[in-house]
């Protein structure tokens, strides 16, 4: 998680790998120190950059999807706790279509790290 300012949303960046022979569909995420954690994508249309919410994101079999600045990312609204200290980790749970989930620690960094 990258926290920009204490009172502003935080963004989550990572690479999601699917090592299975069947495709997966990411449908949501949650974290203890985010009031809401949603899937977003940065897009540029007509020279204007904006963010848009994404309801789901396919991850191909034996493939990966990158969550990086300027593309897909997790958007944490109203960060609290450890996210405000810019130190430690935050456990993020990714939810998939069909009911599966995985939880992984995300390193917390302030902007510019």
PDB file of N, CA and C in Angstrom:
ATOM      1  N   UNK A   1       0.844  -1.177   0.000  1.00  0.00           N
ATOM      2  CA  UNK A   1       0.000   0.000   0.000  1.00  0.00           C
ATOM      3  C   UNK A   1       0.882   1.230   0.000  1.00  0.00           C
ATOM      4  N   UNK A   2       0.520   2.181  -0.789  1.00  0.00           N
ATOM      5  CA  UNK A   2       1.249   3.438  -0.811  1.00  0.00           C
ATOM      6  C   UNK A   2       0.296   4.523  -0.339  1.00  0.00           C
ATOM      7  N   UNK A   3       0.654   5.178   0.780  1.00  0.00           N
ATOM      8  CA  UNK A   3      -0.174   6.221   1.357  1.00  0.00           C
ATOM      9  C   UNK A   3       0.361   7.564   0.894  1.00  0.00           C
ATOM     10  N   UNK A   4      -0.482   8.349   0.253  1.00  0.00           N
ATOM     11  CA  UNK A   4      -0.051   9.646  -0.245  1.00  0.00           C
ATOM     12  C   UNK A   4      -0.069  10.693   0.861  1.00  0.00           C
ATOM     13  N   UNK A   5      -1.190  10.897   1.491  1.00  0.00           N
ATOM     14  CA  UNK A   5      -1.352  11.810   2.618  1.00  0.00           C
ATOM     15  C   UNK A   5      -2.281  11.141   3.614  1.00  0.00           C
ATOM     16  N   UNK A   6      -2.114  11.423   4.902  1.00  0.00           N
ATOM     17  CA  UNK A   6      -2.944  10.722   5.893  1.00  0.00           C
ATOM     18  C   UNK A   6      -4.446  10.820   5.658  1.00  0.00           C
ATOM     19  N   UNK A   7      -4.935  11.960   5.161  1.00  0.00           N
ATOM     20  CA  UNK A   7      -6.379  12.110   4.973  1.00  0.00           C
ATOM     21  C   UNK A   7      -6.843  11.735   3.573  1.00  0.00           C
ATOM     22  N   UNK A   8      -5.949  11.234   2.736  1.00  0.00           N
ATOM     23  CA  UNK A   8      -6.273  10.902   1.355  1.00  0.00           C
ATOM     24  C   UNK A   8      -6.275   9.388   1.147  1.00  0.00           C
ATOM     25  N   UNK A   9      -6.890   8.941   0.043  1.00  0.00           N
ATOM     26  CA  UNK A   9      -6.885   7.505  -0.245  1.00  0.00           C
ATOM     27  C   UNK A   9      -5.467   6.954  -0.415  1.00  0.00           C
ATOM     28  N   UNK A  10      -5.342   5.663  -0.193  1.00  0.00           N
ATOM     29  CA  UNK A  10      -4.080   4.948  -0.413  1.00  0.00           C
ATOM     30  C   UNK A  10      -4.263   4.039  -1.614  1.00  0.00           C
ATOM     31  N   UNK A  11      -3.171   3.747  -2.312  1.00  0.00           N
ATOM     32  CA  UNK A  11      -3.233   2.876  -3.488  1.00  0.00           C
ATOM     33  C   UNK A  11      -2.413   1.622  -3.241  1.00  0.00           C
ATOM     34  N   UNK A  12      -2.907   0.482  -3.724  1.00  0.00           N
ATOM     35  CA  UNK A  12      -2.206  -0.795  -3.599  1.00  0.00           C
ATOM     36  C   UNK A  12      -1.683  -1.242  -4.946  1.00  0.00           C
ATOM     37  N   UNK A  13      -0.383  -1.526  -5.001  1.00  0.00           N
ATOM     38  CA  UNK A  13       0.273  -1.969  -6.232  1.00  0.00           C
ATOM     39  C   UNK A  13       0.923  -3.323  -6.008  1.00  0.00           C
ATOM     40  N   UNK A  14       0.811  -4.221  -7.004  1.00  0.00           N
ATOM     41  CA  UNK A  14       1.348  -5.575  -6.881  1.00  0.00           C
ATOM     42  C   UNK A  14       1.167  -6.289  -8.213  1.00  0.00           C
ATOM     43  N   UNK A  15       1.696  -7.473  -8.322  1.00  0.00           N
ATOM     44  CA  UNK A  15       1.442  -8.326  -9.482  1.00  0.00           C
ATOM     45  C   UNK A  15       0.669  -9.541  -9.007  1.00  0.00           C
ATOM     46  N   UNK A  16      -0.456  -9.792  -9.626  1.00  0.00           N
ATOM     47  CA  UNK A  16      -1.307 -10.928  -9.292  1.00  0.00           C
ATOM     48  C   UNK A  16      -1.040 -12.037 -10.298  1.00  0.00           C
ATOM     49  N   UNK A  17      -0.504 -13.156  -9.816  1.00  0.00           N
ATOM     50  CA  UNK A  17      -0.189 -14.291 -10.678  1.00  0.00           C
ATOM     51  C   UNK A  17      -1.200 -15.403 -10.486  1.00  0.00           C
ATOM     52  N   UNK A  18      -1.606 -16.006 -11.594  1.00  0.00           N
ATOM     53  CA  UNK A  18      -2.477 -17.170 -11.577  1.00  0.00           C
ATOM     54  C   UNK A  18      -1.640 -18.353 -12.046  1.00  0.00           C
ATOM     55  N   UNK A  19      -1.292 -19.229 -11.138  1.00  0.00           N
ATOM     56  CA  UNK A  19      -0.467 -20.398 -11.476  1.00  0.00           C
ATOM     57  C   UNK A  19      -1.305 -21.640 -11.758  1.00  0.00           C
ATOM     58  N   UNK A  20      -2.608 -21.443 -11.915  1.00  0.00           N
ATOM     59  CA  UNK A  20      -3.526 -22.561 -12.169  1.00  0.00           C
ATOM     60  C   UNK A  20      -3.830 -22.682 -13.663  1.00  0.00           C
ATOM     61  N   UNK A  21      -4.391 -23.817 -14.049  1.00  0.00           N
ATOM     62  CA  UNK A  21      -4.722 -24.067 -15.451  1.00  0.00           C
ATOM     63  C   UNK A  21      -6.082 -23.506 -15.847  1.00  0.00           C
ATOM     64  N   UNK A  22      -6.772 -22.876 -14.924  1.00  0.00           N
ATOM     65  CA  UNK A  22      -8.068 -22.261 -15.219  1.00  0.00           C
ATOM     66  C   UNK A  22      -7.997 -20.764 -14.909  1.00  0.00           C
ATOM     67  N   UNK A  23      -8.710 -19.948 -15.669  1.00  0.00           N
ATOM     68  CA  UNK A  23      -8.697 -18.508 -15.403  1.00  0.00           C
ATOM     69  C   UNK A  23      -9.380 -18.184 -14.086  1.00  0.00           C
ATOM     70  N   UNK A  24      -8.996 -17.059 -13.501  1.00  0.00           N
ATOM     71  CA  UNK A  24      -9.612 -16.542 -12.282  1.00  0.00           C
ATOM     72  C   UNK A  24     -10.202 -15.175 -12.581  1.00  0.00           C
ATOM     73  N   UNK A  25     -11.165 -14.766 -11.773  1.00  0.00           N
ATOM     74  CA  UNK A  25     -11.719 -13.425 -11.894  1.00  0.00           C
ATOM     75  C   UNK A  25     -11.688 -12.776 -10.520  1.00  0.00           C
ATOM     76  N   UNK A  26     -10.906 -11.718 -10.384  1.00  0.00           N
ATOM     77  CA  UNK A  26     -10.834 -10.953  -9.146  1.00  0.00           C
ATOM     78  C   UNK A  26     -12.080 -10.083  -9.055  1.00  0.00           C
ATOM     79  N   UNK A  27     -12.810 -10.175  -7.935  1.00  0.00           N
ATOM     80  CA  UNK A  27     -14.063  -9.432  -7.799  1.00  0.00           C
ATOM     81  C   UNK A  27     -14.074  -8.467  -6.623  1.00  0.00           C
ATOM     82  N   UNK A  28     -13.040  -8.475  -5.785  1.00  0.00           N
ATOM     83  CA  UNK A  28     -13.043  -7.553  -4.657  1.00  0.00           C
ATOM     84  C   UNK A  28     -11.836  -7.732  -3.776  1.00  0.00           C
ATOM     85  N   UNK A  29     -11.719  -6.823  -2.814  1.00  0.00           N
ATOM     86  CA  UNK A  29     -10.610  -6.854  -1.876  1.00  0.00           C
ATOM     87  C   UNK A  29     -11.038  -6.179  -0.579  1.00  0.00           C
ATOM     88  N   UNK A  30     -10.324  -6.495   0.501  1.00  0.00           N
ATOM     89  CA  UNK A  30     -10.577  -5.849   1.788  1.00  0.00           C
ATOM     90  C   UNK A  30      -9.283  -5.823   2.586  1.00  0.00           C
ATOM     91  N   UNK A  31      -9.211  -4.890   3.515  1.00  0.00           N
ATOM     92  CA  UNK A  31      -8.064  -4.757   4.405  1.00  0.00           C
ATOM     93  C   UNK A  31      -8.547  -4.135   5.710  1.00  0.00           C
ATOM     94  N   UNK A  32      -7.978  -4.550   6.849  1.00  0.00           N
ATOM     95  CA  UNK A  32      -8.448  -4.055   8.139  1.00  0.00           C
ATOM     96  C   UNK A  32      -8.396  -2.534   8.287  1.00  0.00           C
ATOM     97  N   UNK A  33      -7.393  -1.879   7.707  1.00  0.00           N
ATOM     98  CA  UNK A  33      -7.227  -0.441   7.897  1.00  0.00           C
ATOM     99  C   UNK A  33      -7.756   0.400   6.735  1.00  0.00           C
ATOM    100  N   UNK A  34      -8.654  -0.184   5.931  1.00  0.00           N
ATOM    101  CA  UNK A  34      -9.330   0.547   4.850  1.00  0.00           C
ATOM    102  C   UNK A  34     -10.829   0.436   5.086  1.00  0.00           C
ATOM    103  N   UNK A  35     -11.502   1.578   5.139  1.00  0.00           N
ATOM    104  CA  UNK A  35     -12.957   1.495   5.279  1.00  0.00           C
ATOM    105  C   UNK A  35     -13.539   0.770   4.082  1.00  0.00           C
ATOM    106  N   UNK A  36     -13.085   1.123   2.883  1.00  0.00           N
ATOM    107  CA  UNK A  36     -13.439   0.382   1.678  1.00  0.00           C
ATOM    108  C   UNK A  36     -12.177   0.224   0.830  1.00  0.00           C
ATOM    109  N   UNK A  37     -12.057  -0.906   0.166  1.00  0.00           N
ATOM    110  CA  UNK A  37     -10.930  -1.191  -0.708  1.00  0.00           C
ATOM    111  C   UNK A  37     -11.505  -1.701  -2.022  1.00  0.00           C
ATOM    112  N   UNK A  38     -11.321  -0.942  -3.090  1.00  0.00           N
ATOM    113  CA  UNK A  38     -11.958  -1.264  -4.361  1.00  0.00           C
ATOM    114  C   UNK A  38     -10.937  -1.374  -5.487  1.00  0.00           C
ATOM    115  N   UNK A  39     -11.343  -2.054  -6.548  1.00  0.00           N
ATOM    116  CA  UNK A  39     -10.520  -2.195  -7.746  1.00  0.00           C
ATOM    117  C   UNK A  39     -10.723  -0.961  -8.618  1.00  0.00           C
ATOM    118  N   UNK A  40      -9.623  -0.376  -9.095  1.00  0.00           N
ATOM    119  CA  UNK A  40      -9.688   0.799  -9.962  1.00  0.00           C
ATOM    120  C   UNK A  40      -8.720   0.647 -11.126  1.00  0.00           C
ATOM    121  N   UNK A  41      -8.941   1.450 -12.153  1.00  0.00           N
ATOM    122  CA  UNK A  41      -8.029   1.527 -13.281  1.00  0.00           C
ATOM    123  C   UNK A  41      -7.878   2.990 -13.668  1.00  0.00           C
ATOM    124  N   UNK A  42      -6.642   3.412 -13.870  1.00  0.00           N
ATOM    125  CA  UNK A  42      -6.380   4.744 -14.408  1.00  0.00           C
ATOM    126  C   UNK A  42      -6.441   4.642 -15.926  1.00  0.00           C
ATOM    127  N   UNK A  43      -7.174   5.559 -16.552  1.00  0.00           N
ATOM    128  CA  UNK A  43      -7.296   5.576 -18.001  1.00  0.00           C
ATOM    129  C   UNK A  43      -7.115   7.006 -18.502  1.00  0.00           C
ATOM    130  N   UNK A  44      -6.643   7.143 -19.734  1.00  0.00           N
ATOM    131  CA  UNK A  44      -6.523   8.447 -20.363  1.00  0.00           C
ATOM    132  C   UNK A  44      -7.389   8.439 -21.617  1.00  0.00           C
ATOM    133  N   UNK A  45      -8.312   9.380 -21.677  1.00  0.00           N
ATOM    134  CA  UNK A  45      -9.217   9.502 -22.822  1.00  0.00           C
ATOM    135  C   UNK A  45      -9.218  10.953 -23.269  1.00  0.00           C
ATOM    136  N   UNK A  46      -8.915  11.183 -24.522  1.00  0.00           N
ATOM    137  CA  UNK A  46      -8.915  12.535 -25.046  1.00  0.00           C
ATOM    138  C   UNK A  46      -7.921  13.443 -24.346  1.00  0.00           C
ATOM    139  N   UNK A  47      -6.824  12.863 -23.874  1.00  0.00           N
ATOM    140  CA  UNK A  47      -5.806  13.644 -23.193  1.00  0.00           C
ATOM    141  C   UNK A  47      -6.084  13.912 -21.727  1.00  0.00           C
ATOM    142  N   UNK A  48      -7.188  13.377 -21.206  1.00  0.00           N
ATOM    143  CA  UNK A  48      -7.540  13.578 -19.811  1.00  0.00           C
ATOM    144  C   UNK A  48      -7.423  12.262 -19.055  1.00  0.00           C
ATOM    145  N   UNK A  49      -6.643  12.288 -17.969  1.00  0.00           N
ATOM    146  CA  UNK A  49      -6.489  11.094 -17.126  1.00  0.00           C
ATOM    147  C   UNK A  49      -7.575  11.087 -16.060  1.00  0.00           C
ATOM    148  N   UNK A  50      -8.095   9.888 -15.795  1.00  0.00           N
ATOM    149  CA  UNK A  50      -9.089   9.735 -14.724  1.00  0.00           C
ATOM    150  C   UNK A  50      -9.032   8.310 -14.197  1.00  0.00           C
ATOM    151  N   UNK A  51      -9.626   8.107 -13.047  1.00  0.00           N
ATOM    152  CA  UNK A  51      -9.733   6.768 -12.471  1.00  0.00           C
ATOM    153  C   UNK A  51     -11.167   6.287 -12.616  1.00  0.00           C
ATOM    154  N   UNK A  52     -11.303   4.998 -12.844  1.00  0.00           N
ATOM    155  CA  UNK A  52     -12.630   4.407 -12.950  1.00  0.00           C
ATOM    156  C   UNK A  52     -12.673   3.124 -12.119  1.00  0.00           C
ATOM    157  N   UNK A  53     -13.799   2.886 -11.462  1.00  0.00           N
ATOM    158  CA  UNK A  53     -13.968   1.657 -10.688  1.00  0.00           C
ATOM    159  C   UNK A  53     -14.093   0.475 -11.639  1.00  0.00           C
ATOM    160  N   UNK A  54     -13.569  -0.667 -11.229  1.00  0.00           N
ATOM    161  CA  UNK A  54     -13.615  -1.905 -12.004  1.00  0.00           C
ATOM    162  C   UNK A  54     -14.370  -2.940 -11.182  1.00  0.00           C
ATOM    163  N   UNK A  55     -15.440  -3.507 -11.737  1.00  0.00           N
ATOM    164  CA  UNK A  55     -16.250  -4.480 -11.008  1.00  0.00           C
ATOM    165  C   UNK A  55     -15.548  -5.821 -10.865  1.00  0.00           C
ATOM    166  N   UNK A  56     -14.796  -6.216 -11.898  1.00  0.00           N
ATOM    167  CA  UNK A  56     -14.085  -7.491 -11.861  1.00  0.00           C
ATOM    168  C   UNK A  56     -12.918  -7.418 -12.830  1.00  0.00           C
ATOM    169  N   UNK A  57     -11.963  -8.316 -12.631  1.00  0.00           N
ATOM    170  CA  UNK A  57     -10.772  -8.308 -13.466  1.00  0.00           C
ATOM    171  C   UNK A  57     -10.348  -9.746 -13.739  1.00  0.00           C
ATOM    172  N   UNK A  58     -10.355 -10.182 -15.006  1.00  0.00           N
ATOM    173  CA  UNK A  58      -9.936 -11.547 -15.324  1.00  0.00           C
ATOM    174  C   UNK A  58      -8.416 -11.697 -15.215  1.00  0.00           C
ATOM    175  N   UNK A  59      -7.996 -12.850 -14.716  1.00  0.00           N
ATOM    176  CA  UNK A  59      -6.579 -13.208 -14.646  1.00  0.00           C
ATOM    177  C   UNK A  59      -6.452 -14.523 -15.410  1.00  0.00           C
ATOM    178  N   UNK A  60      -5.774 -14.504 -16.556  1.00  0.00           N
ATOM    179  CA  UNK A  60      -5.735 -15.715 -17.388  1.00  0.00           C
ATOM    180  C   UNK A  60      -4.992 -16.873 -16.720  1.00  0.00           C
ATOM    181  N   UNK A  61      -5.328 -18.083 -17.142  1.00  0.00           N
ATOM    182  CA  UNK A  61      -4.612 -19.274 -16.660  1.00  0.00           C
ATOM    183  C   UNK A  61      -3.132 -19.103 -16.950  1.00  0.00           C
ATOM    184  N   UNK A  62      -2.312 -19.413 -15.982  1.00  0.00           N
ATOM    185  CA  UNK A  62      -0.853 -19.292 -16.080  1.00  0.00           C
ATOM    186  C   UNK A  62      -0.417 -17.875 -16.473  1.00  0.00           C
ATOM    187  N   UNK A  63      -1.240 -16.887 -16.161  1.00  0.00           N
ATOM    188  CA  UNK A  63      -0.933 -15.511 -16.518  1.00  0.00           C
ATOM    189  C   UNK A  63      -0.848 -14.615 -15.300  1.00  0.00           C
ATOM    190  N   UNK A  64      -0.721 -13.332 -15.547  1.00  0.00           N
ATOM    191  CA  UNK A  64      -0.633 -12.371 -14.453  1.00  0.00           C
ATOM    192  C   UNK A  64      -1.235 -11.043 -14.880  1.00  0.00           C
ATOM    193  N   UNK A  65      -1.568 -10.229 -13.884  1.00  0.00           N
ATOM    194  CA  UNK A  65      -2.066  -8.876 -14.094  1.00  0.00           C
ATOM    195  C   UNK A  65      -1.265  -7.971 -13.176  1.00  0.00           C
ATOM    196  N   UNK A  66      -0.740  -6.889 -13.744  1.00  0.00           N
ATOM    197  CA  UNK A  66       0.061  -5.945 -12.977  1.00  0.00           C
ATOM    198  C   UNK A  66      -0.818  -4.817 -12.443  1.00  0.00           C
ATOM    199  N   UNK A  67      -0.671  -4.515 -11.173  1.00  0.00           N
ATOM    200  CA  UNK A  67      -1.315  -3.377 -10.533  1.00  0.00           C
ATOM    201  C   UNK A  67      -0.197  -2.375 -10.293  1.00  0.00           C
ATOM    202  N   UNK A  68      -0.209  -1.272 -11.052  1.00  0.00           N
ATOM    203  CA  UNK A  68       0.905  -0.322 -11.024  1.00  0.00           C
ATOM    204  C   UNK A  68       0.380   1.092 -11.267  1.00  0.00           C
ATOM    205  N   UNK A  69       1.151   2.098 -10.858  1.00  0.00           N
ATOM    206  CA  UNK A  69       0.735   3.480 -11.136  1.00  0.00           C
ATOM    207  C   UNK A  69       0.431   3.657 -12.623  1.00  0.00           C
ATOM    208  N   UNK A  70      -0.679   4.329 -12.917  1.00  0.00           N
ATOM    209  CA  UNK A  70      -1.083   4.555 -14.296  1.00  0.00           C
ATOM    210  C   UNK A  70      -1.926   3.444 -14.887  1.00  0.00           C
ATOM    211  N   UNK A  71      -2.215   2.407 -14.115  1.00  0.00           N
ATOM    212  CA  UNK A  71      -3.010   1.279 -14.595  1.00  0.00           C
ATOM    213  C   UNK A  71      -3.960   0.791 -13.515  1.00  0.00           C
ATOM    214  N   UNK A  72      -4.056  -0.520 -13.383  1.00  0.00           N
ATOM    215  CA  UNK A  72      -4.893  -1.088 -12.327  1.00  0.00           C
ATOM    216  C   UNK A  72      -4.263  -0.825 -10.961  1.00  0.00           C
ATOM    217  N   UNK A  73      -5.117  -0.649  -9.949  1.00  0.00           N
ATOM    218  CA  UNK A  73      -4.649  -0.494  -8.575  1.00  0.00           C
ATOM    219  C   UNK A  73      -5.812  -0.741  -7.625  1.00  0.00           C
ATOM    220  N   UNK A  74      -5.474  -1.001  -6.367  1.00  0.00           N
ATOM    221  CA  UNK A  74      -6.483  -1.050  -5.315  1.00  0.00           C
ATOM    222  C   UNK A  74      -6.570   0.345  -4.721  1.00  0.00           C
ATOM    223  N   UNK A  75      -7.784   0.825  -4.455  1.00  0.00           N
ATOM    224  CA  UNK A  75      -7.974   2.150  -3.880  1.00  0.00           C
ATOM    225  C   UNK A  75      -8.575   2.005  -2.487  1.00  0.00           C
ATOM    226  N   UNK A  76      -7.793   2.407  -1.481  1.00  0.00           N
ATOM    227  CA  UNK A  76      -8.214   2.338  -0.085  1.00  0.00           C
ATOM    228  C   UNK A  76      -8.788   3.685   0.323  1.00  0.00           C
ATOM    229  N   UNK A  77     -10.070   3.707   0.615  1.00  0.00           N
ATOM    230  CA  UNK A  77     -10.717   4.936   1.067  1.00  0.00           C
ATOM    231  C   UNK A  77     -10.718   4.981   2.592  1.00  0.00           C
ATOM    232  N   UNK A  78     -10.434   6.139   3.109  1.00  0.00           N
ATOM    233  CA  UNK A  78     -10.369   6.402   4.548  1.00  0.00           C
ATOM    234  C   UNK A  78      -9.403   5.443   5.251  1.00  0.00           C
ATOM    235  N   UNK A  79      -8.108   5.509   4.875  1.00  0.00           N
ATOM    236  CA  UNK A  79      -7.113   4.663   5.552  1.00  0.00           C
ATOM    237  C   UNK A  79      -6.989   5.044   7.022  1.00  0.00           C
ATOM    238  N   UNK A  80      -6.635   4.057   7.835  1.00  0.00           N
ATOM    239  CA  UNK A  80      -6.457   4.290   9.270  1.00  0.00           C
ATOM    240  C   UNK A  80      -5.323   3.394   9.766  1.00  0.00           C
ATOM    241  N   UNK A  81      -5.091   3.392  11.069  1.00  0.00           N
ATOM    242  CA  UNK A  81      -4.126   2.487  11.692  1.00  0.00           C
ATOM    243  C   UNK A  81      -2.749   2.559  11.076  1.00  0.00           C
ATOM    244  N   UNK A  82      -2.194   1.388  10.758  1.00  0.00           N
ATOM    245  CA  UNK A  82      -0.828   1.273  10.245  1.00  0.00           C
ATOM    246  C   UNK A  82      -0.627   2.034   8.942  1.00  0.00           C
ATOM    247  N   UNK A  83      -1.680   2.205   8.155  1.00  0.00           N
ATOM    248  CA  UNK A  83      -1.533   2.923   6.882  1.00  0.00           C
ATOM    249  C   UNK A  83      -1.150   4.382   7.098  1.00  0.00           C
ATOM    250  N   UNK A  84      -1.487   4.934   8.253  1.00  0.00           N
ATOM    251  CA  UNK A  84      -1.168   6.330   8.519  1.00  0.00           C
ATOM    252  C   UNK A  84       0.252   6.520   9.041  1.00  0.00           C
ATOM    253  N   UNK A  85       0.894   5.431   9.459  1.00  0.00           N
ATOM    254  CA  UNK A  85       2.264   5.549   9.989  1.00  0.00           C
ATOM    255  C   UNK A  85       3.318   5.390   8.903  1.00  0.00           C
ATOM    256  N   UNK A  86       2.906   4.877   7.740  1.00  0.00           N
ATOM    257  CA  UNK A  86       3.810   4.612   6.611  1.00  0.00           C
ATOM    258  C   UNK A  86       4.853   3.557   6.964  1.00  0.00           C
ATOM    259  N   UNK A  87       4.532   2.674   7.898  1.00  0.00           N
ATOM    260  CA  UNK A  87       5.467   1.615   8.309  1.00  0.00           C
ATOM    261  C   UNK A  87       4.714   0.299   8.462  1.00  0.00           C
ATOM    262  N   UNK A  88       5.443  -0.807   8.283  1.00  0.00           N
ATOM    263  CA  UNK A  88       4.890  -2.128   8.542  1.00  0.00           C
ATOM    264  C   UNK A  88       4.218  -2.733   7.331  1.00  0.00           C
ATOM    265  N   UNK A  89       3.232  -3.575   7.596  1.00  0.00           N
ATOM    266  CA  UNK A  89       2.488  -4.247   6.537  1.00  0.00           C
ATOM    267  C   UNK A  89       0.998  -4.174   6.827  1.00  0.00           C
ATOM    268  N   UNK A  90       0.210  -4.390   5.804  1.00  0.00           N
ATOM    269  CA  UNK A  90      -1.242  -4.449   5.905  1.00  0.00           C
ATOM    270  C   UNK A  90      -1.687  -5.727   5.222  1.00  0.00           C
ATOM    271  N   UNK A  91      -2.442  -6.568   5.917  1.00  0.00           N
ATOM    272  CA  UNK A  91      -2.960  -7.791   5.309  1.00  0.00           C
ATOM    273  C   UNK A  91      -4.134  -7.445   4.399  1.00  0.00           C
ATOM    274  N   UNK A  92      -3.992  -7.794   3.128  1.00  0.00           N
ATOM    275  CA  UNK A  92      -5.019  -7.520   2.124  1.00  0.00           C
ATOM    276  C   UNK A  92      -5.592  -8.856   1.665  1.00  0.00           C
ATOM    277  N   UNK A  93      -6.912  -8.950   1.669  1.00  0.00           N
ATOM    278  CA  UNK A  93      -7.590 -10.147   1.199  1.00  0.00           C
ATOM    279  C   UNK A  93      -8.182  -9.871  -0.170  1.00  0.00           C
ATOM    280  N   UNK A  94      -7.801 -10.693  -1.141  1.00  0.00           N
ATOM    281  CA  UNK A  94      -8.334 -10.608  -2.499  1.00  0.00           C
ATOM    282  C   UNK A  94      -9.411 -11.673  -2.641  1.00  0.00           C
ATOM    283  N   UNK A  95     -10.578 -11.287  -3.165  1.00  0.00           N
ATOM    284  CA  UNK A  95     -11.701 -12.207  -3.333  1.00  0.00           C
ATOM    285  C   UNK A  95     -11.919 -12.504  -4.817  1.00  0.00           C
ATOM    286  N   UNK A  96     -12.202 -13.765  -5.110  1.00  0.00           N
ATOM    287  CA  UNK A  96     -12.366 -14.212  -6.483  1.00  0.00           C
ATOM    288  C   UNK A  96     -13.775 -14.743  -6.718  1.00  0.00           C
ATOM    289  N   UNK A  97     -14.210 -14.657  -7.963  1.00  0.00           N
ATOM    290  CA  UNK A  97     -15.504 -15.207  -8.355  1.00  0.00           C
ATOM    291  C   UNK A  97     -15.520 -16.679  -7.979  1.00  0.00           C
ATOM    292  N   UNK A  98     -16.617 -17.142  -7.428  1.00  0.00           N
ATOM    293  CA  UNK A  98     -16.742 -18.526  -7.000  1.00  0.00           C
ATOM    294  C   UNK A  98     -16.457 -18.709  -5.527  1.00  0.00           C
ATOM    295  N   UNK A  99     -16.053 -17.654  -4.840  1.00  0.00           N
ATOM    296  CA  UNK A  99     -15.890 -17.723  -3.391  1.00  0.00           C
ATOM    297  C   UNK A  99     -14.488 -17.897  -2.868  1.00  0.00           C
ATOM    298  N   UNK A 100     -13.497 -18.102  -3.710  1.00  0.00           N
ATOM    299  CA  UNK A 100     -12.130 -18.251  -3.229  1.00  0.00           C
ATOM    300  C   UNK A 100     -11.532 -16.913  -2.819  1.00  0.00           C
ATOM    301  N   UNK A 101     -10.528 -16.969  -1.950  1.00  0.00           N
ATOM    302  CA  UNK A 101      -9.834 -15.756  -1.534  1.00  0.00           C
ATOM    303  C   UNK A 101      -8.406 -16.092  -1.137  1.00  0.00           C
ATOM    304  N   UNK A 102      -7.574 -15.071  -1.108  1.00  0.00           N
ATOM    305  CA  UNK A 102      -6.202 -15.208  -0.655  1.00  0.00           C
ATOM    306  C   UNK A 102      -5.845 -13.937   0.105  1.00  0.00           C
ATOM    307  N   UNK A 103      -5.122 -14.091   1.219  1.00  0.00           N
ATOM    308  CA  UNK A 103      -4.683 -12.946   2.015  1.00  0.00           C
ATOM    309  C   UNK A 103      -3.164 -12.891   1.987  1.00  0.00           C
ATOM    310  N   UNK A 104      -2.624 -11.693   1.751  1.00  0.00           N
ATOM    311  CA  UNK A 104      -1.179 -11.512   1.677  1.00  0.00           C
ATOM    312  C   UNK A 104      -0.800 -10.187   2.323  1.00  0.00           C
ATOM    313  N   UNK A 105       0.404 -10.124   2.917  1.00  0.00           N
ATOM    314  CA  UNK A 105       0.860  -8.858   3.503  1.00  0.00           C
ATOM    315  C   UNK A 105       1.369  -7.911   2.417  1.00  0.00           C
ATOM    316  N   UNK A 106       0.932  -6.672   2.470  1.00  0.00           N
ATOM    317  CA  UNK A 106       1.409  -5.616   1.585  1.00  0.00           C
ATOM    318  C   UNK A 106       2.303  -4.700   2.402  1.00  0.00           C
ATOM    319  N   UNK A 107       3.493  -4.400   1.916  1.00  0.00           N
ATOM    320  CA  UNK A 107       4.374  -3.448   2.572  1.00  0.00           C
ATOM    321  C   UNK A 107       3.752  -2.053   2.467  1.00  0.00           C
ATOM    322  N   UNK A 108       3.822  -1.288   3.538  1.00  0.00           N
ATOM    323  CA  UNK A 108       3.279   0.076   3.552  1.00  0.00           C
ATOM    324  C   UNK A 108       4.414   1.051   3.298  1.00  0.00           C
ATOM    325  N   UNK A 109       4.208   1.940   2.356  1.00  0.00           N
ATOM    326  CA  UNK A 109       5.220   2.932   2.005  1.00  0.00           C
ATOM    327  C   UNK A 109       4.570   4.289   1.833  1.00  0.00           C
ATOM    328  N   UNK A 110       5.311   5.334   2.179  1.00  0.00           N
ATOM    329  CA  UNK A 110       4.866   6.689   1.882  1.00  0.00           C
ATOM    330  C   UNK A 110       5.188   6.994   0.433  1.00  0.00           C
ATOM    331  N   UNK A 111       4.686   8.078  -0.051  1.00  0.00           N
ATOM    332  CA  UNK A 111       4.925   8.449  -1.448  1.00  0.00           C
ATOM    333  C   UNK A 111       6.415   8.620  -1.696  1.00  0.00           C
ATOM    334  N   UNK A 112       6.854   8.219  -2.874  1.00  0.00           N
ATOM    335  CA  UNK A 112       8.256   8.357  -3.251  1.00  0.00           C
ATOM    336  C   UNK A 112       9.133   7.203  -2.839  1.00  0.00           C
ATOM    337  N   UNK A 113       8.566   6.134  -2.277  1.00  0.00           N
ATOM    338  CA  UNK A 113       9.378   4.972  -1.863  1.00  0.00           C
ATOM    339  C   UNK A 113       9.181   3.822  -2.819  1.00  0.00           C
TER     340      UNK A 113
END
